[in-house]
Amino acid sequence: MTAVAGRDESRPVVAGPTMSTARRIWLWLEMTIVFIGAPVAMTFVIHIYKVPLFIVLLPVLVLFIVMMLADRTFSMVRSLATGFSFLEFLSILIIFAIAGFAIMNYSRVNLPGWYMSFPRRAPNAWLLIMIAYPLVSVTTQELIYRVFYFHRYGPLFGRHAWLAILLNGVLFAFGHIMFRNWPSVLISLAGGLLFAWRYHRTRSFWAVFIEHSLYGDLLFTAGLGRYFFTGFSMFQ
């Protein structure tokens, strides 16, 4: 991994030339369409036409990759080549150990009927999700919400990195309205703030990919994955 030191919170989210007012207005409008309009449209497609989420995510990922590649200031190779330090990896593991214990204990005490029910009752489907969720869902979400968001909209926030992180967490939570329950939105808000903070520190897709995958697979294992199910599966 390429070592990347922690970022100075006083520095701009993304350095760049002074932005015109027209450019700022366009980017705010574009951000609204992308991160508010798209989740609303996906919710409509999923629940009206009963299209499984994983299928909906694939064309969305392709669209965002095309948008990123069309941006001459963006380099997918550079983004995927950026690693992170061993200390950052330890930070990911320590926070996950603490939060993971809390999540498992919450599920065991408050949702005993759900606790570990997925791996116990459907081990083959559980194993498939453990592999497919990071590869399909996490990859899509992190390329869109962290790599794309911070590259394209980061300059709007200048030196106010905390605002970029806060808005990212809120938009990430909003993107989960398709599950139509408050727990998924609140859990995603906490996760979104953590992943946005991590990406701002490292600028590493792999750092947030690993961290997001750990929490996602844990939620499905603990039983809380039910909050992240639209009701329409590709396995039906």
C-alpha atoms as a PDB file:
ATOM      1  CA  MET A   1       0.000   0.000   0.000  1.00  0.00           C
ATOM      2  CA  THR A   2       1.139   3.535  -0.633  1.00  0.00           C
ATOM      3  CA  ALA A   3       1.432   5.354   2.657  1.00  0.00           C
ATOM      4  CA  VAL A   4      -0.691   8.476   2.885  1.00  0.00           C
ATOM      5  CA  ALA A   5      -0.391  10.782   5.868  1.00  0.00           C
ATOM      6  CA  GLY A   6      -3.400  12.233   7.648  1.00  0.00           C
ATOM      7  CA  ARG A   7      -4.762  15.357   6.000  1.00  0.00           C
ATOM      8  CA  ASP A   8      -4.668  18.868   7.412  1.00  0.00           C
ATOM      9  CA  GLU A   9      -8.285  19.757   8.163  1.00  0.00           C
ATOM     10  CA  SER A  10      -7.534  23.453   7.473  1.00  0.00           C
ATOM     11  CA  ARG A  11      -6.526  22.767   3.883  1.00  0.00           C
ATOM     12  CA  PRO A  12      -9.005  22.873   0.990  1.00  0.00           C
ATOM     13  CA  VAL A  13     -10.981  19.668   0.433  1.00  0.00           C
ATOM     14  CA  VAL A  14      -9.636  19.660  -3.122  1.00  0.00           C
ATOM     15  CA  ALA A  15      -7.168  22.229  -4.341  1.00  0.00           C
ATOM     16  CA  GLY A  16      -8.014  23.974  -7.570  1.00  0.00           C
ATOM     17  CA  PRO A  17      -8.412  27.278  -9.380  1.00  0.00           C
ATOM     18  CA  THR A  18     -10.899  29.917  -8.287  1.00  0.00           C
ATOM     19  CA  MET A  19     -14.367  28.858  -9.331  1.00  0.00           C
ATOM     20  CA  SER A  20     -16.796  31.139 -11.132  1.00  0.00           C
ATOM     21  CA  THR A  21     -20.267  31.787  -9.741  1.00  0.00           C
ATOM     22  CA  ALA A  22     -21.862  30.081 -12.729  1.00  0.00           C
ATOM     23  CA  ARG A  23     -19.702  26.998 -12.147  1.00  0.00           C
ATOM     24  CA  ARG A  24     -20.672  26.904  -8.475  1.00  0.00           C
ATOM     25  CA  ILE A  25     -24.378  27.148  -9.294  1.00  0.00           C
ATOM     26  CA  TRP A  26     -24.059  24.368 -11.876  1.00  0.00           C
ATOM     27  CA  LEU A  27     -22.216  22.043  -9.479  1.00  0.00           C
ATOM     28  CA  TRP A  28     -24.762  22.586  -6.686  1.00  0.00           C
ATOM     29  CA  LEU A  29     -27.584  21.881  -9.153  1.00  0.00           C
ATOM     30  CA  GLU A  30     -25.783  18.809 -10.482  1.00  0.00           C
ATOM     31  CA  MET A  31     -25.143  17.545  -6.956  1.00  0.00           C
ATOM     32  CA  THR A  32     -28.841  17.890  -6.147  1.00  0.00           C
ATOM     33  CA  ILE A  33     -29.815  15.900  -9.239  1.00  0.00           C
ATOM     34  CA  VAL A  34     -27.185  13.212  -8.657  1.00  0.00           C
ATOM     35  CA  PHE A  35     -27.534  12.664  -4.919  1.00  0.00           C
ATOM     36  CA  ILE A  36     -31.201  13.497  -4.370  1.00  0.00           C
ATOM     37  CA  GLY A  37     -32.898  12.965  -7.716  1.00  0.00           C
ATOM     38  CA  ALA A  38     -31.153   9.666  -8.479  1.00  0.00           C
ATOM     39  CA  PRO A  39     -32.074   7.946  -5.163  1.00  0.00           C
ATOM     40  CA  VAL A  40     -35.685   9.036  -5.619  1.00  0.00           C
ATOM     41  CA  ALA A  41     -35.682   7.617  -9.162  1.00  0.00           C
ATOM     42  CA  MET A  42     -34.049   4.371  -7.978  1.00  0.00           C
ATOM     43  CA  THR A  43     -36.679   4.031  -5.238  1.00  0.00           C
ATOM     44  CA  PHE A  44     -39.383   4.394  -7.874  1.00  0.00           C
ATOM     45  CA  VAL A  45     -37.813   1.774 -10.169  1.00  0.00           C
ATOM     46  CA  ILE A  46     -37.240  -0.704  -7.335  1.00  0.00           C
ATOM     47  CA  HIS A  47     -40.661  -0.499  -5.721  1.00  0.00           C
ATOM     48  CA  ILE A  48     -42.864   0.163  -8.731  1.00  0.00           C
ATOM     49  CA  TYR A  49     -41.170  -2.133 -11.246  1.00  0.00           C
ATOM     50  CA  LYS A  50     -39.794  -4.533  -8.587  1.00  0.00           C
ATOM     51  CA  VAL A  51     -36.223  -4.475  -9.942  1.00  0.00           C
ATOM     52  CA  PRO A  52     -33.630  -5.937  -7.510  1.00  0.00           C
ATOM     53  CA  LEU A  53     -31.224  -3.389  -6.057  1.00  0.00           C
ATOM     54  CA  PHE A  54     -28.048  -5.099  -7.306  1.00  0.00           C
ATOM     55  CA  ILE A  55     -29.387  -4.901 -10.865  1.00  0.00           C
ATOM     56  CA  VAL A  56     -30.261  -1.211 -10.474  1.00  0.00           C
ATOM     57  CA  LEU A  57     -26.785  -0.451  -9.111  1.00  0.00           C
ATOM     58  CA  LEU A  58     -24.892  -1.766 -12.137  1.00  0.00           C
ATOM     59  CA  PRO A  59     -26.068   0.813 -14.723  1.00  0.00           C
ATOM     60  CA  VAL A  60     -25.736   3.527 -12.058  1.00  0.00           C
ATOM     61  CA  LEU A  61     -22.105   2.542 -11.519  1.00  0.00           C
ATOM     62  CA  VAL A  62     -21.438   2.565 -15.277  1.00  0.00           C
ATOM     63  CA  LEU A  63     -23.018   6.030 -15.574  1.00  0.00           C
ATOM     64  CA  PHE A  64     -20.840   7.460 -12.816  1.00  0.00           C
ATOM     65  CA  ILE A  65     -17.696   5.879 -14.227  1.00  0.00           C
ATOM     66  CA  VAL A  66     -18.466   7.490 -17.589  1.00  0.00           C
ATOM     67  CA  MET A  67     -18.966  10.855 -15.841  1.00  0.00           C
ATOM     68  CA  MET A  68     -15.657  10.484 -14.004  1.00  0.00           C
ATOM     69  CA  LEU A  69     -13.766   9.454 -17.134  1.00  0.00           C
ATOM     70  CA  ALA A  70     -15.275  12.381 -19.041  1.00  0.00           C
ATOM     71  CA  ASP A  71     -13.776  14.742 -16.457  1.00  0.00           C
ATOM     72  CA  ARG A  72     -10.276  15.541 -17.761  1.00  0.00           C
ATOM     73  CA  THR A  73      -9.091  16.497 -14.274  1.00  0.00           C
ATOM     74  CA  PHE A  74      -9.948  13.057 -12.896  1.00  0.00           C
ATOM     75  CA  SER A  75      -7.746   9.966 -13.116  1.00  0.00           C
ATOM     76  CA  MET A  76      -9.266   6.609 -12.208  1.00  0.00           C
ATOM     77  CA  VAL A  77      -5.800   5.031 -12.306  1.00  0.00           C
ATOM     78  CA  ARG A  78      -4.469   7.565  -9.815  1.00  0.00           C
ATOM     79  CA  SER A  79      -7.489   7.132  -7.559  1.00  0.00           C
ATOM     80  CA  LEU A  80      -7.182   3.349  -7.489  1.00  0.00           C
ATOM     81  CA  ALA A  81      -3.402   3.534  -7.033  1.00  0.00           C
ATOM     82  CA  THR A  82      -3.660   5.595  -3.847  1.00  0.00           C
ATOM     83  CA  GLY A  83      -3.095   3.446  -0.804  1.00  0.00           C
ATOM     84  CA  PHE A  84      -3.027   4.234   2.892  1.00  0.00           C
ATOM     85  CA  SER A  85      -0.706   3.787   5.822  1.00  0.00           C
ATOM     86  CA  PHE A  86      -0.501   0.876   8.253  1.00  0.00           C
ATOM     87  CA  LEU A  87      -1.503   3.226  11.075  1.00  0.00           C
ATOM     88  CA  GLU A  88      -4.634   4.143   9.115  1.00  0.00           C
ATOM     89  CA  PHE A  89      -5.376   0.438   8.726  1.00  0.00           C
ATOM     90  CA  LEU A  90      -4.994   0.002  12.495  1.00  0.00           C
ATOM     91  CA  SER A  91      -7.408   2.893  13.002  1.00  0.00           C
ATOM     92  CA  ILE A  92      -9.948   1.168  10.762  1.00  0.00           C
ATOM     93  CA  LEU A  93      -9.611  -2.086  12.721  1.00  0.00           C
ATOM     94  CA  ILE A  94      -9.751  -0.479  16.179  1.00  0.00           C
ATOM     95  CA  ILE A  95     -12.854   1.574  15.428  1.00  0.00           C
ATOM     96  CA  PHE A  96     -14.454  -1.454  13.785  1.00  0.00           C
ATOM     97  CA  ALA A  97     -13.702  -3.660  16.809  1.00  0.00           C
ATOM     98  CA  ILE A  98     -15.407  -1.183  19.142  1.00  0.00           C
ATOM     99  CA  ALA A  99     -18.362  -0.369  16.887  1.00  0.00           C
ATOM    100  CA  GLY A 100     -18.704  -3.981  15.754  1.00  0.00           C
ATOM    101  CA  PHE A 101     -18.972  -5.219  19.327  1.00  0.00           C
ATOM    102  CA  ALA A 102     -21.662  -2.615  20.009  1.00  0.00           C
ATOM    103  CA  ILE A 103     -23.600  -3.604  16.872  1.00  0.00           C
ATOM    104  CA  MET A 104     -23.473  -7.311  17.620  1.00  0.00           C
ATOM    105  CA  ASN A 105     -24.465  -6.777  21.236  1.00  0.00           C
ATOM    106  CA  TYR A 106     -27.354  -4.490  20.252  1.00  0.00           C
ATOM    107  CA  SER A 107     -28.702  -7.080  17.841  1.00  0.00           C
ATOM    108  CA  ARG A 108     -28.293  -9.904  20.355  1.00  0.00           C
ATOM    109  CA  VAL A 109     -30.103  -8.043  23.150  1.00  0.00           C
ATOM    110  CA  ASN A 110     -32.758  -6.104  21.243  1.00  0.00           C
ATOM    111  CA  LEU A 111     -33.379  -8.273  18.169  1.00  0.00           C
ATOM    112  CA  PRO A 112     -32.806 -11.845  19.358  1.00  0.00           C
ATOM    113  CA  GLY A 113     -34.983 -13.260  16.579  1.00  0.00           C
ATOM    114  CA  TRP A 114     -32.790 -11.609  13.949  1.00  0.00           C
ATOM    115  CA  TYR A 115     -29.423 -12.128  15.620  1.00  0.00           C
ATOM    116  CA  MET A 116     -27.173 -14.323  13.429  1.00  0.00           C
ATOM    117  CA  SER A 117     -30.291 -15.689  11.731  1.00  0.00           C
ATOM    118  CA  PHE A 118     -28.996 -15.170   8.189  1.00  0.00           C
ATOM    119  CA  PRO A 119     -25.807 -17.296   8.434  1.00  0.00           C
ATOM    120  CA  ARG A 120     -27.637 -19.925  10.526  1.00  0.00           C
ATOM    121  CA  ARG A 121     -30.700 -20.326   8.313  1.00  0.00           C
ATOM    122  CA  ALA A 122     -29.262 -19.647   4.855  1.00  0.00           C
ATOM    123  CA  PRO A 123     -25.476 -20.141   5.000  1.00  0.00           C
ATOM    124  CA  ASN A 124     -25.050 -20.378   1.227  1.00  0.00           C
ATOM    125  CA  ALA A 125     -26.967 -17.152   0.553  1.00  0.00           C
ATOM    126  CA  TRP A 126     -25.122 -15.485   3.438  1.00  0.00           C
ATOM    127  CA  LEU A 127     -21.751 -16.470   1.983  1.00  0.00           C
ATOM    128  CA  LEU A 128     -22.771 -15.147  -1.425  1.00  0.00           C
ATOM    129  CA  ILE A 129     -23.769 -11.812   0.134  1.00  0.00           C
ATOM    130  CA  MET A 130     -20.476 -11.641   2.035  1.00  0.00           C
ATOM    131  CA  ILE A 131     -18.695 -11.713  -1.328  1.00  0.00           C
ATOM    132  CA  ALA A 132     -21.156  -9.936  -3.621  1.00  0.00           C
ATOM    133  CA  TYR A 133     -21.974  -7.033  -1.301  1.00  0.00           C
ATOM    134  CA  PRO A 134     -18.419  -5.634  -1.186  1.00  0.00           C
ATOM    135  CA  LEU A 135     -17.731  -6.297  -4.876  1.00  0.00           C
ATOM    136  CA  VAL A 136     -20.963  -4.808  -6.230  1.00  0.00           C
ATOM    137  CA  SER A 137     -22.594  -2.557  -3.651  1.00  0.00           C
ATOM    138  CA  VAL A 138     -19.605  -1.193  -1.723  1.00  0.00           C
ATOM    139  CA  THR A 139     -17.602  -0.577  -4.894  1.00  0.00           C
ATOM    140  CA  THR A 140     -20.510   1.342  -6.410  1.00  0.00           C
ATOM    141  CA  GLN A 141     -21.244   3.377  -3.299  1.00  0.00           C
ATOM    142  CA  GLU A 142     -17.650   4.332  -2.566  1.00  0.00           C
ATOM    143  CA  LEU A 143     -16.829   5.314  -6.145  1.00  0.00           C
ATOM    144  CA  ILE A 144     -19.930   7.510  -6.212  1.00  0.00           C
ATOM    145  CA  TYR A 145     -20.175   8.906  -2.697  1.00  0.00           C
ATOM    146  CA  ARG A 146     -16.517   9.299  -1.862  1.00  0.00           C
ATOM    147  CA  VAL A 147     -14.287   9.287  -4.980  1.00  0.00           C
ATOM    148  CA  PHE A 148     -16.702  11.121  -7.291  1.00  0.00           C
ATOM    149  CA  TYR A 149     -18.191  13.404  -4.614  1.00  0.00           C
ATOM    150  CA  PHE A 150     -14.904  14.680  -3.187  1.00  0.00           C
ATOM    151  CA  HIS A 151     -13.252  15.097  -6.565  1.00  0.00           C
ATOM    152  CA  ARG A 152     -16.101  16.923  -8.272  1.00  0.00           C
ATOM    153  CA  TYR A 153     -17.803  18.797  -5.439  1.00  0.00           C
ATOM    154  CA  GLY A 154     -14.985  19.126  -2.916  1.00  0.00           C
ATOM    155  CA  PRO A 155     -13.834  22.490  -4.361  1.00  0.00           C
ATOM    156  CA  LEU A 156     -17.226  23.987  -3.421  1.00  0.00           C
ATOM    157  CA  PHE A 157     -16.286  23.794   0.265  1.00  0.00           C
ATOM    158  CA  GLY A 158     -12.795  25.306   0.125  1.00  0.00           C
ATOM    159  CA  ARG A 159     -11.164  25.054   3.546  1.00  0.00           C
ATOM    160  CA  HIS A 160     -14.390  23.965   5.259  1.00  0.00           C
ATOM    161  CA  ALA A 161     -13.678  20.254   5.033  1.00  0.00           C
ATOM    162  CA  TRP A 162     -16.082  19.476   7.872  1.00  0.00           C
ATOM    163  CA  LEU A 163     -18.970  20.801   5.768  1.00  0.00           C
ATOM    164  CA  ALA A 164     -18.036  18.516   2.875  1.00  0.00           C
ATOM    165  CA  ILE A 165     -17.876  15.561   5.272  1.00  0.00           C
ATOM    166  CA  LEU A 166     -21.165  16.448   6.981  1.00  0.00           C
ATOM    167  CA  LEU A 167     -23.055  16.912   3.705  1.00  0.00           C
ATOM    168  CA  ASN A 168     -21.581  13.694   2.347  1.00  0.00           C
ATOM    169  CA  GLY A 169     -22.891  11.786   5.370  1.00  0.00           C
ATOM    170  CA  VAL A 170     -26.350  13.336   4.991  1.00  0.00           C
ATOM    171  CA  LEU A 171     -26.519  12.609   1.251  1.00  0.00           C
ATOM    172  CA  PHE A 172     -25.305   9.056   1.841  1.00  0.00           C
ATOM    173  CA  ALA A 173     -28.076   8.557   4.398  1.00  0.00           C
ATOM    174  CA  PHE A 174     -30.638  10.017   1.988  1.00  0.00           C
ATOM    175  CA  GLY A 175     -29.477   7.569  -0.663  1.00  0.00           C
ATOM    176  CA  HIS A 176     -30.858   4.778   1.525  1.00  0.00           C
ATOM    177  CA  ILE A 177     -34.470   5.995   1.435  1.00  0.00           C
ATOM    178  CA  MET A 178     -35.121   3.182  -1.041  1.00  0.00           C
ATOM    179  CA  PHE A 179     -35.232   0.771   1.919  1.00  0.00           C
ATOM    180  CA  ARG A 180     -38.136   2.770   3.353  1.00  0.00           C
ATOM    181  CA  ASN A 181     -37.230   2.508   7.036  1.00  0.00           C
ATOM    182  CA  TRP A 182     -35.568   4.905   9.477  1.00  0.00           C
ATOM    183  CA  PRO A 183     -32.971   2.502  10.938  1.00  0.00           C
ATOM    184  CA  SER A 184     -31.296   2.107   7.524  1.00  0.00           C
ATOM    185  CA  VAL A 185     -31.119   5.901   7.135  1.00  0.00           C
ATOM    186  CA  LEU A 186     -29.711   6.490  10.630  1.00  0.00           C
ATOM    187  CA  ILE A 187     -27.179   3.659  10.360  1.00  0.00           C
ATOM    188  CA  SER A 188     -26.121   5.011   6.958  1.00  0.00           C
ATOM    189  CA  LEU A 189     -25.712   8.499   8.383  1.00  0.00           C
ATOM    190  CA  ALA A 190     -23.254   7.222  10.984  1.00  0.00           C
ATOM    191  CA  GLY A 191     -21.440   5.116   8.399  1.00  0.00           C
ATOM    192  CA  GLY A 192     -21.437   7.894   5.824  1.00  0.00           C
ATOM    193  CA  LEU A 193     -19.812  10.358   8.225  1.00  0.00           C
ATOM    194  CA  LEU A 194     -17.145   7.804   9.142  1.00  0.00           C
ATOM    195  CA  PHE A 195     -16.379   6.873   5.530  1.00  0.00           C
ATOM    196  CA  ALA A 196     -16.340  10.526   4.409  1.00  0.00           C
ATOM    197  CA  TRP A 197     -13.931  11.409   7.228  1.00  0.00           C
ATOM    198  CA  ARG A 198     -11.752   8.447   6.307  1.00  0.00           C
ATOM    199  CA  TYR A 199     -11.667   9.334   2.625  1.00  0.00           C
ATOM    200  CA  HIS A 200     -10.883  12.963   3.358  1.00  0.00           C
ATOM    201  CA  ARG A 201      -7.924  11.806   5.462  1.00  0.00           C
ATOM    202  CA  THR A 202      -6.524   9.285   3.001  1.00  0.00           C
ATOM    203  CA  ARG A 203      -7.938   9.998  -0.462  1.00  0.00           C
ATOM    204  CA  SER A 204      -7.838   6.206  -0.780  1.00  0.00           C
ATOM    205  CA  PHE A 205     -10.686   4.256  -2.338  1.00  0.00           C
ATOM    206  CA  TRP A 206      -9.223   1.099  -0.818  1.00  0.00           C
ATOM    207  CA  ALA A 207      -9.348   2.474   2.716  1.00  0.00           C
ATOM    208  CA  VAL A 208     -13.076   3.194   2.524  1.00  0.00           C
ATOM    209  CA  PHE A 209     -13.733   0.040   0.501  1.00  0.00           C
ATOM    210  CA  ILE A 210     -12.265  -2.101   3.285  1.00  0.00           C
ATOM    211  CA  GLU A 211     -13.948  -0.141   6.071  1.00  0.00           C
ATOM    212  CA  HIS A 212     -17.363  -0.099   4.380  1.00  0.00           C
ATOM    213  CA  SER A 213     -17.125  -3.809   3.540  1.00  0.00           C
ATOM    214  CA  LEU A 214     -16.372  -4.703   7.155  1.00  0.00           C
ATOM    215  CA  TYR A 215     -19.443  -2.887   8.468  1.00  0.00           C
ATOM    216  CA  GLY A 216     -21.723  -4.017   5.666  1.00  0.00           C
ATOM    217  CA  ASP A 217     -20.890  -7.704   6.075  1.00  0.00           C
ATOM    218  CA  LEU A 218     -21.176  -7.357   9.853  1.00  0.00           C
ATOM    219  CA  LEU A 219     -24.660  -5.856   9.602  1.00  0.00           C
ATOM    220  CA  PHE A 220     -25.856  -8.721   7.424  1.00  0.00           C
ATOM    221  CA  THR A 221     -24.283 -11.224   9.783  1.00  0.00           C
ATOM    222  CA  ALA A 222     -25.662  -9.635  12.957  1.00  0.00           C
ATOM    223  CA  GLY A 223     -29.193  -9.581  11.588  1.00  0.00           C
ATOM    224  CA  LEU A 224     -29.493  -5.867  10.856  1.00  0.00           C
ATOM    225  CA  GLY A 225     -29.203  -6.534   7.146  1.00  0.00           C
ATOM    226  CA  ARG A 226     -32.996  -6.802   7.118  1.00  0.00           C
ATOM    227  CA  TYR A 227     -33.092  -3.020   7.275  1.00  0.00           C
ATOM    228  CA  PHE A 228     -31.150  -2.931   3.998  1.00  0.00           C
ATOM    229  CA  PHE A 229     -33.417  -5.177   1.968  1.00  0.00           C
ATOM    230  CA  THR A 230     -35.841  -3.666  -0.523  1.00  0.00           C
ATOM    231  CA  GLY A 231     -38.087  -6.723  -0.593  1.00  0.00           C
ATOM    232  CA  PHE A 232     -37.141  -7.649  -4.139  1.00  0.00           C
ATOM    233  CA  SER A 233     -34.310 -10.119  -4.606  1.00  0.00           C
ATOM    234  CA  MET A 234     -32.518 -11.435  -7.688  1.00  0.00           C
ATOM    235  CA  PHE A 235     -32.834 -14.877  -6.075  1.00  0.00           C
ATOM    236  CA  GLN A 236     -36.645 -14.965  -6.080  1.00  0.00           C
END
